[in-house]
Amino acid sequence: MGDAVPLKPSQQAAADEFATYYATPRGFHPRSTAMSLTSAGAITSFTPFTQVELIAPRPVLLIAGEKAHSRYYSEDAYKLLTGPKELHIVPGATHVDLYDRVNLIPWERLASFFNRSL
């Protein structure tokens, strides 16, 4: 066996953020289970932008936290989308803040988008 590869600071920050959610009562649900061994393969082989052009002409609303480690995914997707699109960055929010911090979730933006797009 070998030693674990040290995480980059940005990776450590993401791991810490997920731990503050999933390893505490905040992220607990009685029917939740740990990630299965079969999930890792699906996650690592998932390529979200492979067929992004097939989404158009359907409208897309992307929402990301200003401080989210994953914000760049939304920004990259926004650049690739060719149909009607909106990118909303939530000031001060992290990735997991938008799971359950209802005061940060942009409800009006969501309602406006769905009322216009559905």
C-alpha atoms as a PDB file:
ATOM      1  CA  MET A   1       0.000   0.000   0.000  1.00  0.00           C
ATOM      2  CA  GLY A   2       1.066   3.580  -0.287  1.00  0.00           C
ATOM      3  CA  ASP A   3       0.374   6.860   1.330  1.00  0.00           C
ATOM      4  CA  ALA A   4      -2.675   8.916   0.481  1.00  0.00           C
ATOM      5  CA  VAL A   5      -2.105  11.630  -2.072  1.00  0.00           C
ATOM      6  CA  PRO A   6      -2.292  15.011  -0.340  1.00  0.00           C
ATOM      7  CA  LEU A   7      -5.230  17.132  -1.396  1.00  0.00           C
ATOM      8  CA  LYS A   8      -4.776  20.521  -3.001  1.00  0.00           C
ATOM      9  CA  PRO A   9      -6.151  23.378  -0.875  1.00  0.00           C
ATOM     10  CA  SER A  10      -9.246  23.716  -3.092  1.00  0.00           C
ATOM     11  CA  GLN A  11      -9.900  19.967  -2.853  1.00  0.00           C
ATOM     12  CA  GLN A  12      -9.471  20.035   0.927  1.00  0.00           C
ATOM     13  CA  ALA A  13     -11.904  22.950   1.159  1.00  0.00           C
ATOM     14  CA  ALA A  14     -14.514  20.960  -0.811  1.00  0.00           C
ATOM     15  CA  ALA A  15     -13.957  17.861   1.358  1.00  0.00           C
ATOM     16  CA  ASP A  16     -14.323  19.974   4.507  1.00  0.00           C
ATOM     17  CA  GLU A  17     -17.517  21.574   3.202  1.00  0.00           C
ATOM     18  CA  PHE A  18     -19.105  18.211   2.389  1.00  0.00           C
ATOM     19  CA  ALA A  19     -18.079  16.879   5.817  1.00  0.00           C
ATOM     20  CA  THR A  20     -19.799  19.801   7.555  1.00  0.00           C
ATOM     21  CA  TYR A  21     -22.991  18.752   5.798  1.00  0.00           C
ATOM     22  CA  TYR A  22     -22.982  14.979   5.340  1.00  0.00           C
ATOM     23  CA  ALA A  23     -21.172  14.061   8.577  1.00  0.00           C
ATOM     24  CA  THR A  24     -23.524  16.067  10.797  1.00  0.00           C
ATOM     25  CA  PRO A  25     -27.235  15.997  11.633  1.00  0.00           C
ATOM     26  CA  ARG A  26     -27.719  18.780   9.060  1.00  0.00           C
ATOM     27  CA  GLY A  27     -27.262  16.299   6.201  1.00  0.00           C
ATOM     28  CA  PHE A  28     -28.699  13.220   7.892  1.00  0.00           C
ATOM     29  CA  HIS A  29     -31.769  11.442   6.632  1.00  0.00           C
ATOM     30  CA  PRO A  30     -32.981   8.124   8.079  1.00  0.00           C
ATOM     31  CA  ARG A  31     -33.199   6.511   4.618  1.00  0.00           C
ATOM     32  CA  SER A  32     -29.779   7.700   3.448  1.00  0.00           C
ATOM     33  CA  THR A  33     -26.881   5.312   3.132  1.00  0.00           C
ATOM     34  CA  ALA A  34     -23.194   5.693   2.506  1.00  0.00           C
ATOM     35  CA  MET A  35     -22.164   5.843  -1.150  1.00  0.00           C
ATOM     36  CA  SER A  36     -22.118   2.340  -2.565  1.00  0.00           C
ATOM     37  CA  LEU A  37     -19.032   0.876  -4.157  1.00  0.00           C
ATOM     38  CA  THR A  38     -20.819   0.840  -7.509  1.00  0.00           C
ATOM     39  CA  SER A  39     -21.521   4.596  -7.378  1.00  0.00           C
ATOM     40  CA  ALA A  40     -17.878   5.604  -7.689  1.00  0.00           C
ATOM     41  CA  GLY A  41     -17.530   4.191 -11.223  1.00  0.00           C
ATOM     42  CA  ALA A  42     -20.623   5.997 -12.445  1.00  0.00           C
ATOM     43  CA  ILE A  43     -19.482   9.263 -10.914  1.00  0.00           C
ATOM     44  CA  THR A  44     -15.949   9.095 -12.281  1.00  0.00           C
ATOM     45  CA  SER A  45     -17.078   8.201 -15.798  1.00  0.00           C
ATOM     46  CA  PHE A  46     -19.819  10.855 -15.973  1.00  0.00           C
ATOM     47  CA  THR A  47     -19.055  13.542 -18.547  1.00  0.00           C
ATOM     48  CA  PRO A  48     -21.715  16.239 -18.188  1.00  0.00           C
ATOM     49  CA  PHE A  49     -20.836  18.289 -21.265  1.00  0.00           C
ATOM     50  CA  THR A  50     -20.546  15.485 -23.834  1.00  0.00           C
ATOM     51  CA  GLN A  51     -23.945  16.183 -25.400  1.00  0.00           C
ATOM     52  CA  VAL A  52     -24.796  19.595 -23.985  1.00  0.00           C
ATOM     53  CA  GLU A  53     -25.794  20.808 -27.457  1.00  0.00           C
ATOM     54  CA  LEU A  54     -28.817  18.487 -27.325  1.00  0.00           C
ATOM     55  CA  ILE A  55     -30.408  20.612 -24.606  1.00  0.00           C
ATOM     56  CA  ALA A  56     -31.144  23.515 -26.974  1.00  0.00           C
ATOM     57  CA  PRO A  57     -33.644  24.960 -27.653  1.00  0.00           C
ATOM     58  CA  ARG A  58     -34.869  24.203 -24.123  1.00  0.00           C
ATOM     59  CA  PRO A  59     -34.252  27.006 -21.618  1.00  0.00           C
ATOM     60  CA  VAL A  60     -31.765  26.398 -18.816  1.00  0.00           C
ATOM     61  CA  LEU A  61     -31.327  28.134 -15.471  1.00  0.00           C
ATOM     62  CA  LEU A  62     -28.025  27.480 -13.714  1.00  0.00           C
ATOM     63  CA  ILE A  63     -27.668  28.487 -10.068  1.00  0.00           C
ATOM     64  CA  ALA A  64     -24.357  28.405  -8.215  1.00  0.00           C
ATOM     65  CA  GLY A  65     -23.006  29.790  -4.994  1.00  0.00           C
ATOM     66  CA  GLU A  66     -20.477  32.594  -5.246  1.00  0.00           C
ATOM     67  CA  LYS A  67     -18.114  30.636  -2.987  1.00  0.00           C
ATOM     68  CA  ALA A  68     -18.987  27.170  -4.335  1.00  0.00           C
ATOM     69  CA  HIS A  69     -16.037  24.981  -5.249  1.00  0.00           C
ATOM     70  CA  SER A  70     -18.215  23.734  -8.118  1.00  0.00           C
ATOM     71  CA  ARG A  71     -19.131  27.174  -9.480  1.00  0.00           C
ATOM     72  CA  TYR A  72     -16.916  26.690 -12.512  1.00  0.00           C
ATOM     73  CA  TYR A  73     -19.141  23.800 -13.691  1.00  0.00           C
ATOM     74  CA  SER A  74     -22.082  26.172 -14.035  1.00  0.00           C
ATOM     75  CA  GLU A  75     -19.925  28.816 -15.698  1.00  0.00           C
ATOM     76  CA  ASP A  76     -18.511  26.263 -18.149  1.00  0.00           C
ATOM     77  CA  ALA A  77     -21.990  24.897 -18.916  1.00  0.00           C
ATOM     78  CA  TYR A  78     -23.295  28.410 -19.473  1.00  0.00           C
ATOM     79  CA  LYS A  79     -20.573  29.046 -22.066  1.00  0.00           C
ATOM     80  CA  LEU A  80     -21.427  25.815 -23.902  1.00  0.00           C
ATOM     81  CA  LEU A  81     -25.211  26.134 -23.925  1.00  0.00           C
ATOM     82  CA  THR A  82     -26.617  27.504 -27.170  1.00  0.00           C
ATOM     83  CA  GLY A  83     -30.279  27.985 -26.319  1.00  0.00           C
ATOM     84  CA  PRO A  84     -31.986  30.360 -23.909  1.00  0.00           C
ATOM     85  CA  LYS A  85     -29.889  30.390 -20.755  1.00  0.00           C
ATOM     86  CA  GLU A  86     -29.469  32.167 -17.456  1.00  0.00           C
ATOM     87  CA  LEU A  87     -26.698  31.981 -14.881  1.00  0.00           C
ATOM     88  CA  HIS A  88     -27.493  33.155 -11.366  1.00  0.00           C
ATOM     89  CA  ILE A  89     -24.686  33.407  -8.820  1.00  0.00           C
ATOM     90  CA  VAL A  90     -25.903  33.517  -5.214  1.00  0.00           C
ATOM     91  CA  PRO A  91     -23.787  36.022  -3.266  1.00  0.00           C
ATOM     92  CA  GLY A  92     -21.885  34.505  -0.355  1.00  0.00           C
ATOM     93  CA  ALA A  93     -23.249  30.970  -0.856  1.00  0.00           C
ATOM     94  CA  THR A  94     -21.238  27.754  -0.983  1.00  0.00           C
ATOM     95  CA  HIS A  95     -22.208  24.561  -2.792  1.00  0.00           C
ATOM     96  CA  VAL A  96     -23.971  22.898   0.143  1.00  0.00           C
ATOM     97  CA  ASP A  97     -25.553  26.159   1.333  1.00  0.00           C
ATOM     98  CA  LEU A  98     -27.928  25.800  -1.587  1.00  0.00           C
ATOM     99  CA  TYR A  99     -29.091  22.377  -0.339  1.00  0.00           C
ATOM    100  CA  ASP A 100     -30.899  23.670   2.713  1.00  0.00           C
ATOM    101  CA  ARG A 101     -30.169  27.306   3.555  1.00  0.00           C
ATOM    102  CA  VAL A 102     -33.592  28.427   2.396  1.00  0.00           C
ATOM    103  CA  ASN A 103     -32.788  32.097   3.003  1.00  0.00           C
ATOM    104  CA  LEU A 104     -30.103  31.860   0.287  1.00  0.00           C
ATOM    105  CA  ILE A 105     -32.139  29.993  -2.325  1.00  0.00           C
ATOM    106  CA  PRO A 106     -33.274  32.468  -5.017  1.00  0.00           C
ATOM    107  CA  TRP A 107     -36.976  31.534  -4.911  1.00  0.00           C
ATOM    108  CA  GLU A 108     -38.150  34.510  -6.983  1.00  0.00           C
ATOM    109  CA  ARG A 109     -35.615  33.728  -9.702  1.00  0.00           C
ATOM    110  CA  LEU A 110     -36.779  30.107  -9.797  1.00  0.00           C
ATOM    111  CA  ALA A 111     -40.466  31.071  -9.915  1.00  0.00           C
ATOM    112  CA  SER A 112     -39.852  33.620 -12.652  1.00  0.00           C
ATOM    113  CA  PHE A 113     -37.873  31.139 -14.734  1.00  0.00           C
ATOM    114  CA  PHE A 114     -40.455  28.361 -14.406  1.00  0.00           C
ATOM    115  CA  ASN A 115     -43.400  30.666 -15.035  1.00  0.00           C
ATOM    116  CA  ARG A 116     -41.722  31.874 -18.217  1.00  0.00           C
ATOM    117  CA  SER A 117     -40.320  28.547 -19.392  1.00  0.00           C
ATOM    118  CA  LEU A 118     -42.880  25.862 -18.623  1.00  0.00           C
END
